[in-house]
């Protein structure tokens, strides 16, 4: 059995269909997977995810952020432009231990 870190080497994570891309390559309207470290919790339902290329707000609402600052996660979702810049509306996240979290948004 392959461990989660083996998938990270190839930019793929079990449960996520897309290869991870650098955060600074996100564009409005695209569906993307990014991997990084939770930099800070900015609201009860959003956080900043940082990789070597930059950082992005990740919205998981209406749920409460289940991650800790410093935790490594891979997130798949749709990029949208909000008033302050680009934001990733997460549909799924995978923790470093391989556990998968699903997110449903009220507008889906």
PDB file of N, CA and C in Angstrom:
ATOM      1  N   UNK A   1       0.846  -1.185   0.000  1.00  0.00           N
ATOM      2  CA  UNK A   1       0.000   0.000   0.000  1.00  0.00           C
ATOM      3  C   UNK A   1       0.888   1.244   0.000  1.00  0.00           C
ATOM      4  N   UNK A   2       0.569   2.213  -0.838  1.00  0.00           N
ATOM      5  CA  UNK A   2       1.318   3.467  -0.882  1.00  0.00           C
ATOM      6  C   UNK A   2       0.864   4.379   0.233  1.00  0.00           C
ATOM      7  N   UNK A   3       1.800   5.031   0.856  1.00  0.00           N
ATOM      8  CA  UNK A   3       1.477   5.985   1.915  1.00  0.00           C
ATOM      9  C   UNK A   3       1.167   7.340   1.282  1.00  0.00           C
ATOM     10  N   UNK A   4       0.436   8.234   2.002  1.00  0.00           N
ATOM     11  CA  UNK A   4       0.066   9.545   1.441  1.00  0.00           C
ATOM     12  C   UNK A   4       1.248  10.337   0.904  1.00  0.00           C
ATOM     13  N   UNK A   5       2.441  10.266   1.583  1.00  0.00           N
ATOM     14  CA  UNK A   5       3.568  11.060   1.114  1.00  0.00           C
ATOM     15  C   UNK A   5       4.039  10.601  -0.262  1.00  0.00           C
ATOM     16  N   UNK A   6       3.817   9.336  -0.608  1.00  0.00           N
ATOM     17  CA  UNK A   6       4.214   8.856  -1.939  1.00  0.00           C
ATOM     18  C   UNK A   6       3.385   9.546  -3.021  1.00  0.00           C
ATOM     19  N   UNK A   7       2.124   9.779  -2.742  1.00  0.00           N
ATOM     20  CA  UNK A   7       1.282  10.475  -3.705  1.00  0.00           C
ATOM     21  C   UNK A   7       1.706  11.925  -3.848  1.00  0.00           C
ATOM     22  N   UNK A   8       2.136  12.557  -2.738  1.00  0.00           N
ATOM     23  CA  UNK A   8       2.559  13.951  -2.789  1.00  0.00           C
ATOM     24  C   UNK A   8       3.776  14.112  -3.695  1.00  0.00           C
ATOM     25  N   UNK A   9       4.627  13.099  -3.747  1.00  0.00           N
ATOM     26  CA  UNK A   9       5.794  13.171  -4.617  1.00  0.00           C
ATOM     27  C   UNK A   9       5.401  13.324  -6.078  1.00  0.00           C
ATOM     28  N   UNK A  10       4.284  12.763  -6.446  1.00  0.00           N
ATOM     29  CA  UNK A  10       3.825  12.816  -7.825  1.00  0.00           C
ATOM     30  C   UNK A  10       2.769  13.889  -8.051  1.00  0.00           C
ATOM     31  N   UNK A  11       2.416  14.645  -6.996  1.00  0.00           N
ATOM     32  CA  UNK A  11       1.423  15.706  -7.116  1.00  0.00           C
ATOM     33  C   UNK A  11       0.000  15.182  -7.165  1.00  0.00           C
ATOM     34  N   UNK A  12      -0.192  13.920  -6.807  1.00  0.00           N
ATOM     35  CA  UNK A  12      -1.523  13.326  -6.811  1.00  0.00           C
ATOM     36  C   UNK A  12      -1.876  12.873  -5.407  1.00  0.00           C
ATOM     37  N   UNK A  13      -3.137  12.959  -5.072  1.00  0.00           N
ATOM     38  CA  UNK A  13      -3.590  12.547  -3.759  1.00  0.00           C
ATOM     39  C   UNK A  13      -4.800  11.649  -3.947  1.00  0.00           C
ATOM     40  N   UNK A  14      -4.886  10.532  -3.212  1.00  0.00           N
ATOM     41  CA  UNK A  14      -6.055   9.677  -3.342  1.00  0.00           C
ATOM     42  C   UNK A  14      -7.327  10.470  -3.073  1.00  0.00           C
ATOM     43  N   UNK A  15      -8.352  10.286  -3.878  1.00  0.00           N
ATOM     44  CA  UNK A  15      -9.612  10.988  -3.700  1.00  0.00           C
ATOM     45  C   UNK A  15      -9.694  12.281  -4.483  1.00  0.00           C
ATOM     46  N   UNK A  16      -8.561  12.849  -4.867  1.00  0.00           N
ATOM     47  CA  UNK A  16      -8.550  14.079  -5.639  1.00  0.00           C
ATOM     48  C   UNK A  16      -8.125  13.753  -7.061  1.00  0.00           C
ATOM     49  N   UNK A  17      -8.912  14.196  -8.020  1.00  0.00           N
ATOM     50  CA  UNK A  17      -8.696  13.812  -9.407  1.00  0.00           C
ATOM     51  C   UNK A  17      -7.614  14.612 -10.114  1.00  0.00           C
ATOM     52  N   UNK A  18      -7.326  15.807  -9.663  1.00  0.00           N
ATOM     53  CA  UNK A  18      -6.391  16.684 -10.365  1.00  0.00           C
ATOM     54  C   UNK A  18      -5.023  16.698  -9.698  1.00  0.00           C
ATOM     55  N   UNK A  19      -3.972  16.862 -10.491  1.00  0.00           N
ATOM     56  CA  UNK A  19      -2.635  17.046  -9.935  1.00  0.00           C
ATOM     57  C   UNK A  19      -2.556  18.418  -9.281  1.00  0.00           C
ATOM     58  N   UNK A  20      -1.836  18.514  -8.175  1.00  0.00           N
ATOM     59  CA  UNK A  20      -1.694  19.787  -7.472  1.00  0.00           C
ATOM     60  C   UNK A  20      -0.924  20.790  -8.329  1.00  0.00           C
ATOM     61  N   UNK A  21      -1.374  22.048  -8.289  1.00  0.00           N
ATOM     62  CA  UNK A  21      -0.724  23.136  -9.017  1.00  0.00           C
ATOM     63  C   UNK A  21      -0.240  24.170  -7.999  1.00  0.00           C
ATOM     64  N   UNK A  22       0.740  24.990  -8.364  1.00  0.00           N
ATOM     65  CA  UNK A  22       1.182  26.056  -7.455  1.00  0.00           C
ATOM     66  C   UNK A  22       0.053  27.065  -7.220  1.00  0.00           C
ATOM     67  N   UNK A  23      -0.033  27.564  -6.018  1.00  0.00           N
ATOM     68  CA  UNK A  23      -1.080  28.529  -5.684  1.00  0.00           C
ATOM     69  C   UNK A  23      -1.016  29.761  -6.575  1.00  0.00           C
ATOM     70  N   UNK A  24       0.180  30.207  -6.938  1.00  0.00           N
ATOM     71  CA  UNK A  24       0.268  31.419  -7.765  1.00  0.00           C
ATOM     72  C   UNK A  24      -0.208  31.214  -9.200  1.00  0.00           C
ATOM     73  N   UNK A  25      -0.555  29.965  -9.574  1.00  0.00           N
ATOM     74  CA  UNK A  25      -1.075  29.726 -10.925  1.00  0.00           C
ATOM     75  C   UNK A  25      -2.602  29.687 -10.966  1.00  0.00           C
ATOM     76  N   UNK A  26      -3.266  29.892  -9.831  1.00  0.00           N
ATOM     77  CA  UNK A  26      -4.730  29.867  -9.797  1.00  0.00           C
ATOM     78  C   UNK A  26      -5.312  31.020 -10.609  1.00  0.00           C
ATOM     79  N   UNK A  27      -6.376  30.707 -11.350  1.00  0.00           N
ATOM     80  CA  UNK A  27      -7.082  31.712 -12.145  1.00  0.00           C
ATOM     81  C   UNK A  27      -8.569  31.607 -11.886  1.00  0.00           C
ATOM     82  N   UNK A  28      -9.252  32.732 -11.962  1.00  0.00           N
ATOM     83  CA  UNK A  28     -10.690  32.792 -11.735  1.00  0.00           C
ATOM     84  C   UNK A  28     -11.426  31.777 -12.606  1.00  0.00           C
ATOM     85  N   UNK A  29     -12.318  31.013 -11.988  1.00  0.00           N
ATOM     86  CA  UNK A  29     -13.170  30.074 -12.710  1.00  0.00           C
ATOM     87  C   UNK A  29     -12.618  28.675 -12.882  1.00  0.00           C
ATOM     88  N   UNK A  30     -11.342  28.475 -12.612  1.00  0.00           N
ATOM     89  CA  UNK A  30     -10.769  27.149 -12.817  1.00  0.00           C
ATOM     90  C   UNK A  30     -11.053  26.238 -11.629  1.00  0.00           C
ATOM     91  N   UNK A  31     -11.071  24.931 -11.896  1.00  0.00           N
ATOM     92  CA  UNK A  31     -11.104  23.924 -10.849  1.00  0.00           C
ATOM     93  C   UNK A  31      -9.660  23.493 -10.653  1.00  0.00           C
ATOM     94  N   UNK A  32      -9.214  23.453  -9.402  1.00  0.00           N
ATOM     95  CA  UNK A  32      -7.805  23.190  -9.146  1.00  0.00           C
ATOM     96  C   UNK A  32      -7.616  22.434  -7.842  1.00  0.00           C
ATOM     97  N   UNK A  33      -6.469  21.778  -7.753  1.00  0.00           N
ATOM     98  CA  UNK A  33      -6.013  21.151  -6.523  1.00  0.00           C
ATOM     99  C   UNK A  33      -4.711  21.823  -6.132  1.00  0.00           C
ATOM    100  N   UNK A  34      -4.618  22.253  -4.868  1.00  0.00           N
ATOM    101  CA  UNK A  34      -3.404  22.873  -4.352  1.00  0.00           C
ATOM    102  C   UNK A  34      -3.012  22.162  -3.055  1.00  0.00           C
ATOM    103  N   UNK A  35      -1.727  22.172  -2.764  1.00  0.00           N
ATOM    104  CA  UNK A  35      -1.221  21.558  -1.539  1.00  0.00           C
ATOM    105  C   UNK A  35      -0.369  22.580  -0.816  1.00  0.00           C
ATOM    106  N   UNK A  36      -0.514  22.625   0.497  1.00  0.00           N
ATOM    107  CA  UNK A  36       0.274  23.587   1.252  1.00  0.00           C
ATOM    108  C   UNK A  36       0.065  23.443   2.746  1.00  0.00           C
ATOM    109  N   UNK A  37       0.449  24.495   3.447  1.00  0.00           N
ATOM    110  CA  UNK A  37       0.371  24.536   4.902  1.00  0.00           C
ATOM    111  C   UNK A  37      -0.654  25.586   5.314  1.00  0.00           C
ATOM    112  N   UNK A  38      -1.475  25.256   6.302  1.00  0.00           N
ATOM    113  CA  UNK A  38      -2.439  26.215   6.826  1.00  0.00           C
ATOM    114  C   UNK A  38      -1.647  27.307   7.545  1.00  0.00           C
ATOM    115  N   UNK A  39      -1.678  28.511   6.960  1.00  0.00           N
ATOM    116  CA  UNK A  39      -0.920  29.642   7.499  1.00  0.00           C
ATOM    117  C   UNK A  39      -1.641  30.281   8.682  1.00  0.00           C
ATOM    118  N   UNK A  40      -2.957  30.485   8.515  1.00  0.00           N
ATOM    119  CA  UNK A  40      -3.761  31.047   9.602  1.00  0.00           C
ATOM    120  C   UNK A  40      -5.241  30.792   9.317  1.00  0.00           C
ATOM    121  N   UNK A  41      -6.028  30.801  10.381  1.00  0.00           N
ATOM    122  CA  UNK A  41      -7.481  30.690  10.272  1.00  0.00           C
ATOM    123  C   UNK A  41      -7.986  32.126  10.225  1.00  0.00           C
ATOM    124  N   UNK A  42      -8.653  32.507   9.130  1.00  0.00           N
ATOM    125  CA  UNK A  42      -9.068  33.900   8.960  1.00  0.00           C
ATOM    126  C   UNK A  42     -10.506  34.164   9.377  1.00  0.00           C
ATOM    127  N   UNK A  43     -11.308  33.113   9.461  1.00  0.00           N
ATOM    128  CA  UNK A  43     -12.709  33.208   9.876  1.00  0.00           C
ATOM    129  C   UNK A  43     -13.114  31.796  10.285  1.00  0.00           C
ATOM    130  N   UNK A  44     -14.285  31.637  10.836  1.00  0.00           N
ATOM    131  CA  UNK A  44     -14.695  30.294  11.261  1.00  0.00           C
ATOM    132  C   UNK A  44     -14.804  29.317  10.094  1.00  0.00           C
ATOM    133  N   UNK A  45     -15.007  29.834   8.872  1.00  0.00           N
ATOM    134  CA  UNK A  45     -15.186  28.946   7.723  1.00  0.00           C
ATOM    135  C   UNK A  45     -14.180  29.185   6.594  1.00  0.00           C
ATOM    136  N   UNK A  46     -13.039  29.823   6.901  1.00  0.00           N
ATOM    137  CA  UNK A  46     -12.014  30.003   5.882  1.00  0.00           C
ATOM    138  C   UNK A  46     -10.626  30.122   6.509  1.00  0.00           C
ATOM    139  N   UNK A  47      -9.616  29.802   5.688  1.00  0.00           N
ATOM    140  CA  UNK A  47      -8.236  29.845   6.150  1.00  0.00           C
ATOM    141  C   UNK A  47      -7.316  30.213   4.999  1.00  0.00           C
ATOM    142  N   UNK A  48      -6.063  30.593   5.330  1.00  0.00           N
ATOM    143  CA  UNK A  48      -5.035  30.882   4.326  1.00  0.00           C
ATOM    144  C   UNK A  48      -4.173  29.647   4.173  1.00  0.00           C
ATOM    145  N   UNK A  49      -4.011  29.201   2.929  1.00  0.00           N
ATOM    146  CA  UNK A  49      -3.155  28.073   2.593  1.00  0.00           C
ATOM    147  C   UNK A  49      -1.945  28.622   1.852  1.00  0.00           C
ATOM    148  N   UNK A  50      -0.745  28.199   2.250  1.00  0.00           N
ATOM    149  CA  UNK A  50       0.492  28.715   1.686  1.00  0.00           C
ATOM    150  C   UNK A  50       1.324  27.579   1.111  1.00  0.00           C
ATOM    151  N   UNK A  51       1.897  27.809  -0.080  1.00  0.00           N
ATOM    152  CA  UNK A  51       2.901  26.901  -0.629  1.00  0.00           C
ATOM    153  C   UNK A  51       4.119  27.748  -1.001  1.00  0.00           C
ATOM    154  N   UNK A  52       5.086  27.155  -1.669  1.00  0.00           N
ATOM    155  CA  UNK A  52       6.317  27.884  -2.007  1.00  0.00           C
ATOM    156  C   UNK A  52       6.073  29.055  -2.957  1.00  0.00           C
ATOM    157  N   UNK A  53       4.947  29.036  -3.696  1.00  0.00           N
ATOM    158  CA  UNK A  53       4.682  30.074  -4.695  1.00  0.00           C
ATOM    159  C   UNK A  53       3.838  31.234  -4.170  1.00  0.00           C
ATOM    160  N   UNK A  54       3.129  31.040  -3.069  1.00  0.00           N
ATOM    161  CA  UNK A  54       2.252  32.090  -2.563  1.00  0.00           C
ATOM    162  C   UNK A  54       1.205  31.542  -1.619  1.00  0.00           C
ATOM    163  N   UNK A  55       0.110  32.294  -1.454  1.00  0.00           N
ATOM    164  CA  UNK A  55      -0.957  31.860  -0.561  1.00  0.00           C
ATOM    165  C   UNK A  55      -2.318  32.249  -1.128  1.00  0.00           C
ATOM    166  N   UNK A  56      -3.345  31.576  -0.636  1.00  0.00           N
ATOM    167  CA  UNK A  56      -4.709  31.827  -1.081  1.00  0.00           C
ATOM    168  C   UNK A  56      -5.668  31.582   0.072  1.00  0.00           C
ATOM    169  N   UNK A  57      -6.766  32.320   0.071  1.00  0.00           N
ATOM    170  CA  UNK A  57      -7.847  32.042   1.004  1.00  0.00           C
ATOM    171  C   UNK A  57      -8.595  30.815   0.512  1.00  0.00           C
ATOM    172  N   UNK A  58      -8.939  29.915   1.437  1.00  0.00           N
ATOM    173  CA  UNK A  58      -9.722  28.724   1.121  1.00  0.00           C
ATOM    174  C   UNK A  58     -10.999  28.802   1.939  1.00  0.00           C
ATOM    175  N   UNK A  59     -12.137  28.750   1.247  1.00  0.00           N
ATOM    176  CA  UNK A  59     -13.451  28.829   1.893  1.00  0.00           C
ATOM    177  C   UNK A  59     -14.039  27.433   1.963  1.00  0.00           C
ATOM    178  N   UNK A  60     -14.482  27.016   3.163  1.00  0.00           N
ATOM    179  CA  UNK A  60     -15.076  25.685   3.318  1.00  0.00           C
ATOM    180  C   UNK A  60     -16.505  25.753   3.833  1.00  0.00           C
ATOM    181  N   UNK A  61     -17.041  26.959   4.018  1.00  0.00           N
ATOM    182  CA  UNK A  61     -18.345  27.183   4.641  1.00  0.00           C
ATOM    183  C   UNK A  61     -19.479  26.399   4.031  1.00  0.00           C
ATOM    184  N   UNK A  62     -20.495  26.189   4.782  1.00  0.00           N
ATOM    185  CA  UNK A  62     -20.755  26.793   6.087  1.00  0.00           C
ATOM    186  C   UNK A  62     -20.192  25.994   7.273  1.00  0.00           C
ATOM    187  N   UNK A  63     -19.232  25.132   7.083  1.00  0.00           N
ATOM    188  CA  UNK A  63     -18.622  24.368   8.155  1.00  0.00           C
ATOM    189  C   UNK A  63     -17.545  25.190   8.879  1.00  0.00           C
ATOM    190  N   UNK A  64     -17.167  24.731  10.060  1.00  0.00           N
ATOM    191  CA  UNK A  64     -16.072  25.346  10.815  1.00  0.00           C
ATOM    192  C   UNK A  64     -14.768  24.706  10.354  1.00  0.00           C
ATOM    193  N   UNK A  65     -13.718  25.491  10.203  1.00  0.00           N
ATOM    194  CA  UNK A  65     -12.420  24.999   9.738  1.00  0.00           C
ATOM    195  C   UNK A  65     -11.939  23.868  10.657  1.00  0.00           C
ATOM    196  N   UNK A  66     -11.705  22.684  10.073  1.00  0.00           N
ATOM    197  CA  UNK A  66     -11.290  21.533  10.882  1.00  0.00           C
ATOM    198  C   UNK A  66      -9.771  21.366  10.987  1.00  0.00           C
ATOM    199  N   UNK A  67      -9.003  22.327  10.488  1.00  0.00           N
ATOM    200  CA  UNK A  67      -7.545  22.210  10.445  1.00  0.00           C
ATOM    201  C   UNK A  67      -6.899  23.092  11.501  1.00  0.00           C
ATOM    202  N   UNK A  68      -5.645  22.769  11.801  1.00  0.00           N
ATOM    203  CA  UNK A  68      -4.851  23.574  12.720  1.00  0.00           C
ATOM    204  C   UNK A  68      -3.823  24.365  11.932  1.00  0.00           C
ATOM    205  N   UNK A  69      -3.428  25.521  12.451  1.00  0.00           N
ATOM    206  CA  UNK A  69      -2.343  26.293  11.849  1.00  0.00           C
ATOM    207  C   UNK A  69      -1.107  25.393  11.833  1.00  0.00           C
ATOM    208  N   UNK A  70      -0.416  25.384  10.685  1.00  0.00           N
ATOM    209  CA  UNK A  70       0.774  24.559  10.523  1.00  0.00           C
ATOM    210  C   UNK A  70       0.501  23.198   9.916  1.00  0.00           C
ATOM    211  N   UNK A  71      -0.763  22.808   9.811  1.00  0.00           N
ATOM    212  CA  UNK A  71      -1.122  21.507   9.238  1.00  0.00           C
ATOM    213  C   UNK A  71      -0.952  21.527   7.720  1.00  0.00           C
ATOM    214  N   UNK A  72      -0.476  20.424   7.158  1.00  0.00           N
ATOM    215  CA  UNK A  72      -0.316  20.279   5.716  1.00  0.00           C
ATOM    216  C   UNK A  72      -1.566  19.634   5.149  1.00  0.00           C
ATOM    217  N   UNK A  73      -2.167  20.265   4.127  1.00  0.00           N
ATOM    218  CA  UNK A  73      -3.372  19.736   3.500  1.00  0.00           C
ATOM    219  C   UNK A  73      -3.307  19.933   1.989  1.00  0.00           C
ATOM    220  N   UNK A  74      -4.059  19.107   1.290  1.00  0.00           N
ATOM    221  CA  UNK A  74      -4.255  19.245  -0.153  1.00  0.00           C
ATOM    222  C   UNK A  74      -5.738  19.505  -0.356  1.00  0.00           C
ATOM    223  N   UNK A  75      -6.062  20.544  -1.126  1.00  0.00           N
ATOM    224  CA  UNK A  75      -7.451  20.988  -1.277  1.00  0.00           C
ATOM    225  C   UNK A  75      -7.821  21.058  -2.754  1.00  0.00           C
ATOM    226  N   UNK A  76      -9.023  20.571  -3.081  1.00  0.00           N
ATOM    227  CA  UNK A  76      -9.561  20.664  -4.446  1.00  0.00           C
ATOM    228  C   UNK A  76     -10.809  21.529  -4.392  1.00  0.00           C
ATOM    229  N   UNK A  77     -10.946  22.423  -5.373  1.00  0.00           N
ATOM    230  CA  UNK A  77     -12.126  23.270  -5.404  1.00  0.00           C
ATOM    231  C   UNK A  77     -12.147  24.162  -6.628  1.00  0.00           C
ATOM    232  N   UNK A  78     -13.040  25.131  -6.598  1.00  0.00           N
ATOM    233  CA  UNK A  78     -13.217  26.065  -7.701  1.00  0.00           C
ATOM    234  C   UNK A  78     -12.736  27.445  -7.267  1.00  0.00           C
ATOM    235  N   UNK A  79     -11.994  28.087  -8.140  1.00  0.00           N
ATOM    236  CA  UNK A  79     -11.439  29.404  -7.845  1.00  0.00           C
ATOM    237  C   UNK A  79     -12.450  30.476  -8.239  1.00  0.00           C
ATOM    238  N   UNK A  80     -12.630  31.439  -7.334  1.00  0.00           N
ATOM    239  CA  UNK A  80     -13.551  32.544  -7.580  1.00  0.00           C
ATOM    240  C   UNK A  80     -12.881  33.832  -7.133  1.00  0.00           C
ATOM    241  N   UNK A  81     -13.208  34.917  -7.792  1.00  0.00           N
ATOM    242  CA  UNK A  81     -12.680  36.215  -7.394  1.00  0.00           C
ATOM    243  C   UNK A  81     -13.663  36.835  -6.408  1.00  0.00           C
ATOM    244  N   UNK A  82     -13.148  37.137  -5.208  1.00  0.00           N
ATOM    245  CA  UNK A  82     -13.976  37.872  -4.258  1.00  0.00           C
ATOM    246  C   UNK A  82     -13.460  39.315  -4.215  1.00  0.00           C
ATOM    247  N   UNK A  83     -13.934  40.110  -3.301  1.00  0.00           N
ATOM    248  CA  UNK A  83     -13.552  41.518  -3.266  1.00  0.00           C
ATOM    249  C   UNK A  83     -12.073  41.772  -3.037  1.00  0.00           C
ATOM    250  N   UNK A  84     -11.367  40.825  -2.434  1.00  0.00           N
ATOM    251  CA  UNK A  84      -9.962  41.027  -2.094  1.00  0.00           C
ATOM    252  C   UNK A  84      -8.994  40.238  -2.965  1.00  0.00           C
ATOM    253  N   UNK A  85      -9.485  39.421  -3.850  1.00  0.00           N
ATOM    254  CA  UNK A  85      -8.604  38.601  -4.690  1.00  0.00           C
ATOM    255  C   UNK A  85      -9.228  37.260  -4.977  1.00  0.00           C
ATOM    256  N   UNK A  86      -8.387  36.299  -5.315  1.00  0.00           N
ATOM    257  CA  UNK A  86      -8.876  34.966  -5.628  1.00  0.00           C
ATOM    258  C   UNK A  86      -9.070  34.145  -4.357  1.00  0.00           C
ATOM    259  N   UNK A  87     -10.099  33.302  -4.370  1.00  0.00           N
ATOM    260  CA  UNK A  87     -10.420  32.450  -3.235  1.00  0.00           C
ATOM    261  C   UNK A  87     -10.778  31.072  -3.777  1.00  0.00           C
ATOM    262  N   UNK A  88     -10.319  30.027  -3.107  1.00  0.00           N
ATOM    263  CA  UNK A  88     -10.635  28.660  -3.503  1.00  0.00           C
ATOM    264  C   UNK A  88     -11.815  28.172  -2.678  1.00  0.00           C
ATOM    265  N   UNK A  89     -12.914  27.819  -3.354  1.00  0.00           N
ATOM    266  CA  UNK A  89     -14.085  27.257  -2.691  1.00  0.00           C
ATOM    267  C   UNK A  89     -13.884  25.754  -2.655  1.00  0.00           C
ATOM    268  N   UNK A  90     -13.486  25.234  -1.497  1.00  0.00           N
ATOM    269  CA  UNK A  90     -13.088  23.835  -1.350  1.00  0.00           C
ATOM    270  C   UNK A  90     -14.271  22.881  -1.447  1.00  0.00           C
ATOM    271  N   UNK A  91     -14.053  21.779  -2.155  1.00  0.00           N
ATOM    272  CA  UNK A  91     -15.023  20.685  -2.214  1.00  0.00           C
ATOM    273  C   UNK A  91     -14.501  19.473  -1.451  1.00  0.00           C
ATOM    274  N   UNK A  92     -13.165  19.341  -1.415  1.00  0.00           N
ATOM    275  CA  UNK A  92     -12.559  18.196  -0.765  1.00  0.00           C
ATOM    276  C   UNK A  92     -11.167  18.566  -0.284  1.00  0.00           C
ATOM    277  N   UNK A  93     -10.754  17.974   0.831  1.00  0.00           N
ATOM    278  CA  UNK A  93      -9.400  18.176   1.344  1.00  0.00           C
ATOM    279  C   UNK A  93      -8.870  16.848   1.855  1.00  0.00           C
ATOM    280  N   UNK A  94      -7.571  16.675   1.742  1.00  0.00           N
ATOM    281  CA  UNK A  94      -6.916  15.473   2.239  1.00  0.00           C
ATOM    282  C   UNK A  94      -5.816  15.911   3.199  1.00  0.00           C
ATOM    283  N   UNK A  95      -5.864  15.350   4.400  1.00  0.00           N
ATOM    284  CA  UNK A  95      -4.841  15.622   5.404  1.00  0.00           C
ATOM    285  C   UNK A  95      -3.595  14.802   5.106  1.00  0.00           C
ATOM    286  N   UNK A  96      -2.489  15.134   5.759  1.00  0.00           N
ATOM    287  CA  UNK A  96      -1.226  14.420   5.572  1.00  0.00           C
ATOM    288  C   UNK A  96      -1.350  12.939   5.905  1.00  0.00           C
ATOM    289  N   UNK A  97      -2.274  12.578   6.795  1.00  0.00           N
ATOM    290  CA  UNK A  97      -2.451  11.169   7.151  1.00  0.00           C
ATOM    291  C   UNK A  97      -3.330  10.416   6.156  1.00  0.00           C
ATOM    292  N   UNK A  98      -3.806  11.119   5.104  1.00  0.00           N
ATOM    293  CA  UNK A  98      -4.628  10.492   4.070  1.00  0.00           C
ATOM    294  C   UNK A  98      -6.123  10.579   4.299  1.00  0.00           C
ATOM    295  N   UNK A  99      -6.552  11.092   5.459  1.00  0.00           N
ATOM    296  CA  UNK A  99      -7.989  11.205   5.701  1.00  0.00           C
ATOM    297  C   UNK A  99      -8.588  12.281   4.800  1.00  0.00           C
ATOM    298  N   UNK A 100      -9.777  11.986   4.266  1.00  0.00           N
ATOM    299  CA  UNK A 100     -10.443  12.851   3.296  1.00  0.00           C
ATOM    300  C   UNK A 100     -11.633  13.541   3.953  1.00  0.00           C
ATOM    301  N   UNK A 101     -11.757  14.844   3.716  1.00  0.00           N
ATOM    302  CA  UNK A 101     -12.897  15.634   4.190  1.00  0.00           C
ATOM    303  C   UNK A 101     -13.635  16.184   2.987  1.00  0.00           C
ATOM    304  N   UNK A 102     -14.945  16.086   2.977  1.00  0.00           N
ATOM    305  CA  UNK A 102     -15.790  16.616   1.919  1.00  0.00           C
ATOM    306  C   UNK A 102     -16.475  17.879   2.424  1.00  0.00           C
ATOM    307  N   UNK A 103     -16.630  18.867   1.553  1.00  0.00           N
ATOM    308  CA  UNK A 103     -17.300  20.112   1.911  1.00  0.00           C
ATOM    309  C   UNK A 103     -18.435  20.361   0.936  1.00  0.00           C
ATOM    310  N   UNK A 104     -19.576  20.775   1.457  1.00  0.00           N
ATOM    311  CA  UNK A 104     -20.728  21.102   0.628  1.00  0.00           C
ATOM    312  C   UNK A 104     -21.109  22.548   0.911  1.00  0.00           C
ATOM    313  N   UNK A 105     -21.304  23.309  -0.135  1.00  0.00           N
ATOM    314  CA  UNK A 105     -21.658  24.723   0.023  1.00  0.00           C
ATOM    315  C   UNK A 105     -23.141  24.909  -0.242  1.00  0.00           C
ATOM    316  N   UNK A 106     -23.746  25.841   0.457  1.00  0.00           N
ATOM    317  CA  UNK A 106     -25.196  26.048   0.359  1.00  0.00           C
ATOM    318  C   UNK A 106     -25.642  26.439  -1.039  1.00  0.00           C
ATOM    319  N   UNK A 107     -24.741  26.958  -1.887  1.00  0.00           N
ATOM    320  CA  UNK A 107     -25.111  27.361  -3.241  1.00  0.00           C
ATOM    321  C   UNK A 107     -25.011  26.224  -4.243  1.00  0.00           C
ATOM    322  N   UNK A 108     -24.456  25.051  -3.824  1.00  0.00           N
ATOM    323  CA  UNK A 108     -24.313  23.904  -4.742  1.00  0.00           C
ATOM    324  C   UNK A 108     -25.658  23.338  -5.143  1.00  0.00           C
TER     325      UNK A 108
END
